[in-house]
Amino acid sequence: MKTLFWGGLIFTASFFLHLLLWKIRLPGRQVKTLLGIHFGGLLVALACLAQLPPGNGLMGVHRPAGAAEFAHVCLLVTALILAYMITYTAVEADSPSLLMVLKIQAAGPNGIGKDAFEAFFTDERLVLPRIKDLLTDKMAELEGGRYRLTPKGKLLAEIFIAYRSILGLGMGG
């Protein structure tokens, strides 16, 4: 119970800080900023909790006692952060599947014609926003009219290639 309470409180506090900052100004590199907010919030919260005398807490829940309980809180918050990051990246830039579902839903009960549907989904709508995101996040760079992966982009690609290989999936989508 203690782990769930403190982990949930830490994540929720960081989440609301993120919402507040996004209302003030949307950062250029959103994922990097989010990671900084959440993991920075985790470190600050753990440091504050460690300063509380044992037996003290909030709403009748004592602070974590000992390294194992602090590690449990840290693991829970880290899992919540990573789960949120996966969700956030899907929402940050509309996924092609989400755009398709929304377009069909907006057409109403009669649906949308195949030609109108296909005409709506151009490279400008599906591909170019993702390329812009790669450039913004410094995963790729544009030099001399050619896109190249940066070391950061190569690392991410290698992680996904290895993961797909472990799962026995090919290079396709």
C-alpha atoms as a PDB file:
ATOM      1  CA  MET A   1       0.000   0.000   0.000  1.00  0.00           C
ATOM      2  CA  LYS A   2       2.823   2.353   0.921  1.00  0.00           C
ATOM      3  CA  THR A   3       4.547   1.824  -2.439  1.00  0.00           C
ATOM      4  CA  LEU A   4       1.341   2.386  -4.386  1.00  0.00           C
ATOM      5  CA  PHE A   5       0.486   5.525  -2.418  1.00  0.00           C
ATOM      6  CA  TRP A   6       3.897   7.218  -2.681  1.00  0.00           C
ATOM      7  CA  GLY A   7       4.550   6.051  -6.243  1.00  0.00           C
ATOM      8  CA  GLY A   8       1.129   7.206  -7.390  1.00  0.00           C
ATOM      9  CA  LEU A   9       1.501  10.533  -5.597  1.00  0.00           C
ATOM     10  CA  ILE A  10       4.946  11.212  -7.091  1.00  0.00           C
ATOM     11  CA  PHE A  11       3.815  10.344 -10.610  1.00  0.00           C
ATOM     12  CA  THR A  12       0.593  12.339 -10.275  1.00  0.00           C
ATOM     13  CA  ALA A  13       2.468  15.406  -8.997  1.00  0.00           C
ATOM     14  CA  SER A  14       4.880  15.230 -11.955  1.00  0.00           C
ATOM     15  CA  PHE A  15       1.960  14.716 -14.332  1.00  0.00           C
ATOM     16  CA  PHE A  16       0.196  17.861 -13.097  1.00  0.00           C
ATOM     17  CA  LEU A  17       3.457  19.812 -13.296  1.00  0.00           C
ATOM     18  CA  HIS A  18       3.726  18.648 -16.908  1.00  0.00           C
ATOM     19  CA  LEU A  19       0.163  19.813 -17.644  1.00  0.00           C
ATOM     20  CA  LEU A  20       0.838  23.190 -16.035  1.00  0.00           C
ATOM     21  CA  LEU A  21       4.035  23.719 -18.021  1.00  0.00           C
ATOM     22  CA  TRP A  22       2.297  22.693 -21.268  1.00  0.00           C
ATOM     23  CA  LYS A  23      -0.417  25.305 -20.588  1.00  0.00           C
ATOM     24  CA  ILE A  24       2.271  27.975 -20.199  1.00  0.00           C
ATOM     25  CA  ARG A  25       4.345  26.971 -23.233  1.00  0.00           C
ATOM     26  CA  LEU A  26       4.607  23.840 -25.345  1.00  0.00           C
ATOM     27  CA  PRO A  27       8.290  22.839 -25.474  1.00  0.00           C
ATOM     28  CA  GLY A  28      10.001  22.108 -28.767  1.00  0.00           C
ATOM     29  CA  ARG A  29      11.382  18.753 -27.627  1.00  0.00           C
ATOM     30  CA  GLN A  30       8.407  17.417 -25.739  1.00  0.00           C
ATOM     31  CA  VAL A  31       9.606  13.881 -24.992  1.00  0.00           C
ATOM     32  CA  LYS A  32      12.952  15.056 -23.629  1.00  0.00           C
ATOM     33  CA  THR A  33      11.201  17.673 -21.491  1.00  0.00           C
ATOM     34  CA  LEU A  34       8.702  15.114 -20.193  1.00  0.00           C
ATOM     35  CA  LEU A  35      11.466  12.723 -19.210  1.00  0.00           C
ATOM     36  CA  GLY A  36      13.229  15.559 -17.387  1.00  0.00           C
ATOM     37  CA  ILE A  37      10.061  16.582 -15.536  1.00  0.00           C
ATOM     38  CA  HIS A  38       9.126  13.055 -14.471  1.00  0.00           C
ATOM     39  CA  PHE A  39      12.553  11.688 -13.569  1.00  0.00           C
ATOM     40  CA  GLY A  40      13.554  15.020 -12.001  1.00  0.00           C
ATOM     41  CA  GLY A  41      10.343  14.947  -9.983  1.00  0.00           C
ATOM     42  CA  LEU A  42      11.117  11.395  -8.889  1.00  0.00           C
ATOM     43  CA  LEU A  43      14.587  12.359  -7.670  1.00  0.00           C
ATOM     44  CA  VAL A  44      13.321  15.437  -5.826  1.00  0.00           C
ATOM     45  CA  ALA A  45      10.469  13.477  -4.222  1.00  0.00           C
ATOM     46  CA  LEU A  46      12.765  10.654  -3.103  1.00  0.00           C
ATOM     47  CA  ALA A  47      15.195  13.171  -1.617  1.00  0.00           C
ATOM     48  CA  CYS A  48      12.339  14.901   0.237  1.00  0.00           C
ATOM     49  CA  LEU A  49      10.951  11.594   1.505  1.00  0.00           C
ATOM     50  CA  ALA A  50      14.392  10.549   2.734  1.00  0.00           C
ATOM     51  CA  GLN A  51      14.554  13.734   4.840  1.00  0.00           C
ATOM     52  CA  LEU A  52      11.335  12.913   6.689  1.00  0.00           C
ATOM     53  CA  PRO A  53      11.866  11.165  10.011  1.00  0.00           C
ATOM     54  CA  PRO A  54      10.796   7.490   9.976  1.00  0.00           C
ATOM     55  CA  GLY A  55       7.176   7.121  11.015  1.00  0.00           C
ATOM     56  CA  ASN A  56       6.162  10.423   9.402  1.00  0.00           C
ATOM     57  CA  GLY A  57       4.103  10.517   6.281  1.00  0.00           C
ATOM     58  CA  LEU A  58       1.018  11.883   4.628  1.00  0.00           C
ATOM     59  CA  MET A  59      -2.643  10.968   5.136  1.00  0.00           C
ATOM     60  CA  GLY A  60      -1.676   8.238   7.576  1.00  0.00           C
ATOM     61  CA  VAL A  61       0.746   6.537   5.179  1.00  0.00           C
ATOM     62  CA  HIS A  62       4.298   6.424   6.535  1.00  0.00           C
ATOM     63  CA  ARG A  63       7.205   7.275   4.307  1.00  0.00           C
ATOM     64  CA  PRO A  64       9.157   4.373   2.787  1.00  0.00           C
ATOM     65  CA  ALA A  65      11.499   2.819   5.314  1.00  0.00           C
ATOM     66  CA  GLY A  66      14.750   1.387   4.075  1.00  0.00           C
ATOM     67  CA  ALA A  67      16.398   0.988   0.704  1.00  0.00           C
ATOM     68  CA  ALA A  68      14.078  -1.786  -0.471  1.00  0.00           C
ATOM     69  CA  GLU A  69      10.925   0.292  -0.033  1.00  0.00           C
ATOM     70  CA  PHE A  70      12.540   3.296  -1.716  1.00  0.00           C
ATOM     71  CA  ALA A  71      13.592   1.009  -4.583  1.00  0.00           C
ATOM     72  CA  HIS A  72      10.007  -0.271  -4.898  1.00  0.00           C
ATOM     73  CA  VAL A  73       8.663   3.280  -5.117  1.00  0.00           C
ATOM     74  CA  CYS A  74      11.352   4.150  -7.670  1.00  0.00           C
ATOM     75  CA  LEU A  75      10.509   1.086  -9.802  1.00  0.00           C
ATOM     76  CA  LEU A  76       6.786   1.813  -9.709  1.00  0.00           C
ATOM     77  CA  VAL A  77       7.259   5.457 -10.703  1.00  0.00           C
ATOM     78  CA  THR A  78       9.690   4.463 -13.464  1.00  0.00           C
ATOM     79  CA  ALA A  79       7.163   1.952 -14.832  1.00  0.00           C
ATOM     80  CA  LEU A  80       4.428   4.605 -14.751  1.00  0.00           C
ATOM     81  CA  ILE A  81       6.682   7.128 -16.499  1.00  0.00           C
ATOM     82  CA  LEU A  82       7.630   4.701 -19.272  1.00  0.00           C
ATOM     83  CA  ALA A  83       4.021   3.607 -19.769  1.00  0.00           C
ATOM     84  CA  TYR A  84       2.975   7.249 -19.975  1.00  0.00           C
ATOM     85  CA  MET A  85       5.747   8.025 -22.460  1.00  0.00           C
ATOM     86  CA  ILE A  86       4.499   5.289 -24.793  1.00  0.00           C
ATOM     87  CA  THR A  87       0.980   6.702 -24.575  1.00  0.00           C
ATOM     88  CA  TYR A  88       2.151  10.297 -24.935  1.00  0.00           C
ATOM     89  CA  THR A  89       4.155   9.662 -28.103  1.00  0.00           C
ATOM     90  CA  ALA A  90       1.079   8.063 -29.688  1.00  0.00           C
ATOM     91  CA  VAL A  91      -1.010  11.129 -28.832  1.00  0.00           C
ATOM     92  CA  GLU A  92       1.666  13.774 -29.509  1.00  0.00           C
ATOM     93  CA  ALA A  93       1.682  13.078 -33.232  1.00  0.00           C
ATOM     94  CA  ASP A  94      -1.497  11.403 -34.397  1.00  0.00           C
ATOM     95  CA  SER A  95      -0.727   7.865 -35.446  1.00  0.00           C
ATOM     96  CA  PRO A  96      -1.825   6.870 -38.941  1.00  0.00           C
ATOM     97  CA  SER A  97      -4.272   4.324 -37.516  1.00  0.00           C
ATOM     98  CA  LEU A  98      -5.799   6.926 -35.197  1.00  0.00           C
ATOM     99  CA  LEU A  99      -6.145   9.426 -38.052  1.00  0.00           C
ATOM    100  CA  MET A 100      -7.880   6.789 -40.169  1.00  0.00           C
ATOM    101  CA  VAL A 101     -10.322   5.830 -37.434  1.00  0.00           C
ATOM    102  CA  LEU A 102     -11.122   9.497 -36.728  1.00  0.00           C
ATOM    103  CA  LYS A 103     -11.679  10.220 -40.443  1.00  0.00           C
ATOM    104  CA  ILE A 104     -14.044   7.267 -40.817  1.00  0.00           C
ATOM    105  CA  GLN A 105     -15.877   8.204 -37.602  1.00  0.00           C
ATOM    106  CA  ALA A 106     -16.267  11.824 -38.739  1.00  0.00           C
ATOM    107  CA  ALA A 107     -17.932  10.635 -41.946  1.00  0.00           C
ATOM    108  CA  GLY A 108     -20.916   9.401 -39.957  1.00  0.00           C
ATOM    109  CA  PRO A 109     -22.955   6.205 -40.223  1.00  0.00           C
ATOM    110  CA  ASN A 110     -22.698   6.039 -44.031  1.00  0.00           C
ATOM    111  CA  GLY A 111     -18.890   5.926 -43.895  1.00  0.00           C
ATOM    112  CA  ILE A 112     -16.491   7.552 -46.334  1.00  0.00           C
ATOM    113  CA  GLY A 113     -15.882   6.672 -49.956  1.00  0.00           C
ATOM    114  CA  LYS A 114     -12.707   4.753 -50.765  1.00  0.00           C
ATOM    115  CA  ASP A 115     -11.424   7.430 -53.159  1.00  0.00           C
ATOM    116  CA  ALA A 116     -12.049  10.291 -50.710  1.00  0.00           C
ATOM    117  CA  PHE A 117     -10.422   8.267 -47.942  1.00  0.00           C
ATOM    118  CA  GLU A 118      -7.306   7.527 -49.971  1.00  0.00           C
ATOM    119  CA  ALA A 119      -7.078  11.116 -51.257  1.00  0.00           C
ATOM    120  CA  PHE A 120      -7.104  12.421 -47.674  1.00  0.00           C
ATOM    121  CA  PHE A 121      -4.098  10.340 -46.557  1.00  0.00           C
ATOM    122  CA  THR A 122      -1.149  11.838 -48.396  1.00  0.00           C
ATOM    123  CA  ASP A 123       2.542  11.830 -47.504  1.00  0.00           C
ATOM    124  CA  GLU A 124       2.091  15.402 -46.247  1.00  0.00           C
ATOM    125  CA  ARG A 125      -0.395  14.149 -43.681  1.00  0.00           C
ATOM    126  CA  LEU A 126       1.224  10.826 -42.707  1.00  0.00           C
ATOM    127  CA  VAL A 127       4.948  10.825 -43.468  1.00  0.00           C
ATOM    128  CA  LEU A 128       6.238  14.392 -43.333  1.00  0.00           C
ATOM    129  CA  PRO A 129       5.055  15.117 -39.752  1.00  0.00           C
ATOM    130  CA  ARG A 130       7.015  12.078 -38.562  1.00  0.00           C
ATOM    131  CA  ILE A 131      10.119  13.213 -40.430  1.00  0.00           C
ATOM    132  CA  LYS A 132       9.747  16.629 -38.792  1.00  0.00           C
ATOM    133  CA  ASP A 133       9.552  14.903 -35.408  1.00  0.00           C
ATOM    134  CA  LEU A 134      12.763  12.967 -36.149  1.00  0.00           C
ATOM    135  CA  LEU A 135      14.527  16.229 -36.995  1.00  0.00           C
ATOM    136  CA  THR A 136      13.118  18.045 -33.947  1.00  0.00           C
ATOM    137  CA  ASP A 137      14.148  15.230 -31.595  1.00  0.00           C
ATOM    138  CA  LYS A 138      17.584  15.129 -33.254  1.00  0.00           C
ATOM    139  CA  MET A 139      17.159  11.508 -34.298  1.00  0.00           C
ATOM    140  CA  ALA A 140      17.928  12.498 -37.890  1.00  0.00           C
ATOM    141  CA  GLU A 141      19.431  15.432 -39.723  1.00  0.00           C
ATOM    142  CA  LEU A 142      19.014  16.859 -43.200  1.00  0.00           C
ATOM    143  CA  GLU A 143      22.310  17.568 -44.964  1.00  0.00           C
ATOM    144  CA  GLY A 144      22.675  18.311 -48.640  1.00  0.00           C
ATOM    145  CA  GLY A 145      19.121  17.207 -49.377  1.00  0.00           C
ATOM    146  CA  ARG A 146      19.663  13.824 -47.662  1.00  0.00           C
ATOM    147  CA  TYR A 147      18.290  12.526 -44.383  1.00  0.00           C
ATOM    148  CA  ARG A 148      20.799  10.799 -42.126  1.00  0.00           C
ATOM    149  CA  LEU A 149      20.368   9.237 -38.724  1.00  0.00           C
ATOM    150  CA  THR A 150      22.281  10.851 -35.885  1.00  0.00           C
ATOM    151  CA  PRO A 151      24.038   8.614 -33.328  1.00  0.00           C
ATOM    152  CA  LYS A 152      20.921   8.961 -31.152  1.00  0.00           C
ATOM    153  CA  GLY A 153      18.713   7.830 -34.076  1.00  0.00           C
ATOM    154  CA  LYS A 154      21.049   4.920 -34.864  1.00  0.00           C
ATOM    155  CA  LEU A 155      20.860   3.754 -31.255  1.00  0.00           C
ATOM    156  CA  LEU A 156      17.068   3.844 -31.299  1.00  0.00           C
ATOM    157  CA  ALA A 157      16.982   1.992 -34.628  1.00  0.00           C
ATOM    158  CA  GLU A 158      19.337  -0.694 -33.309  1.00  0.00           C
ATOM    159  CA  ILE A 159      17.161  -1.178 -30.219  1.00  0.00           C
ATOM    160  CA  PHE A 160      14.064  -1.715 -32.370  1.00  0.00           C
ATOM    161  CA  ILE A 161      15.918  -3.939 -34.835  1.00  0.00           C
ATOM    162  CA  ALA A 162      17.151  -6.115 -31.959  1.00  0.00           C
ATOM    163  CA  TYR A 163      13.693  -6.218 -30.371  1.00  0.00           C
ATOM    164  CA  ARG A 164      12.027  -7.205 -33.663  1.00  0.00           C
ATOM    165  CA  SER A 165      14.705  -9.850 -34.176  1.00  0.00           C
ATOM    166  CA  ILE A 166      14.075 -11.329 -30.721  1.00  0.00           C
ATOM    167  CA  LEU A 167      10.351 -11.488 -31.506  1.00  0.00           C
ATOM    168  CA  GLY A 168      11.078 -13.112 -34.873  1.00  0.00           C
ATOM    169  CA  LEU A 169       9.523 -10.228 -36.807  1.00  0.00           C
ATOM    170  CA  GLY A 170      10.814  -9.014 -40.141  1.00  0.00           C
ATOM    171  CA  MET A 171      11.750  -5.462 -41.012  1.00  0.00           C
ATOM    172  CA  GLY A 172       8.273  -4.613 -42.324  1.00  0.00           C
ATOM    173  CA  GLY A 173       5.516  -2.791 -40.455  1.00  0.00           C
END
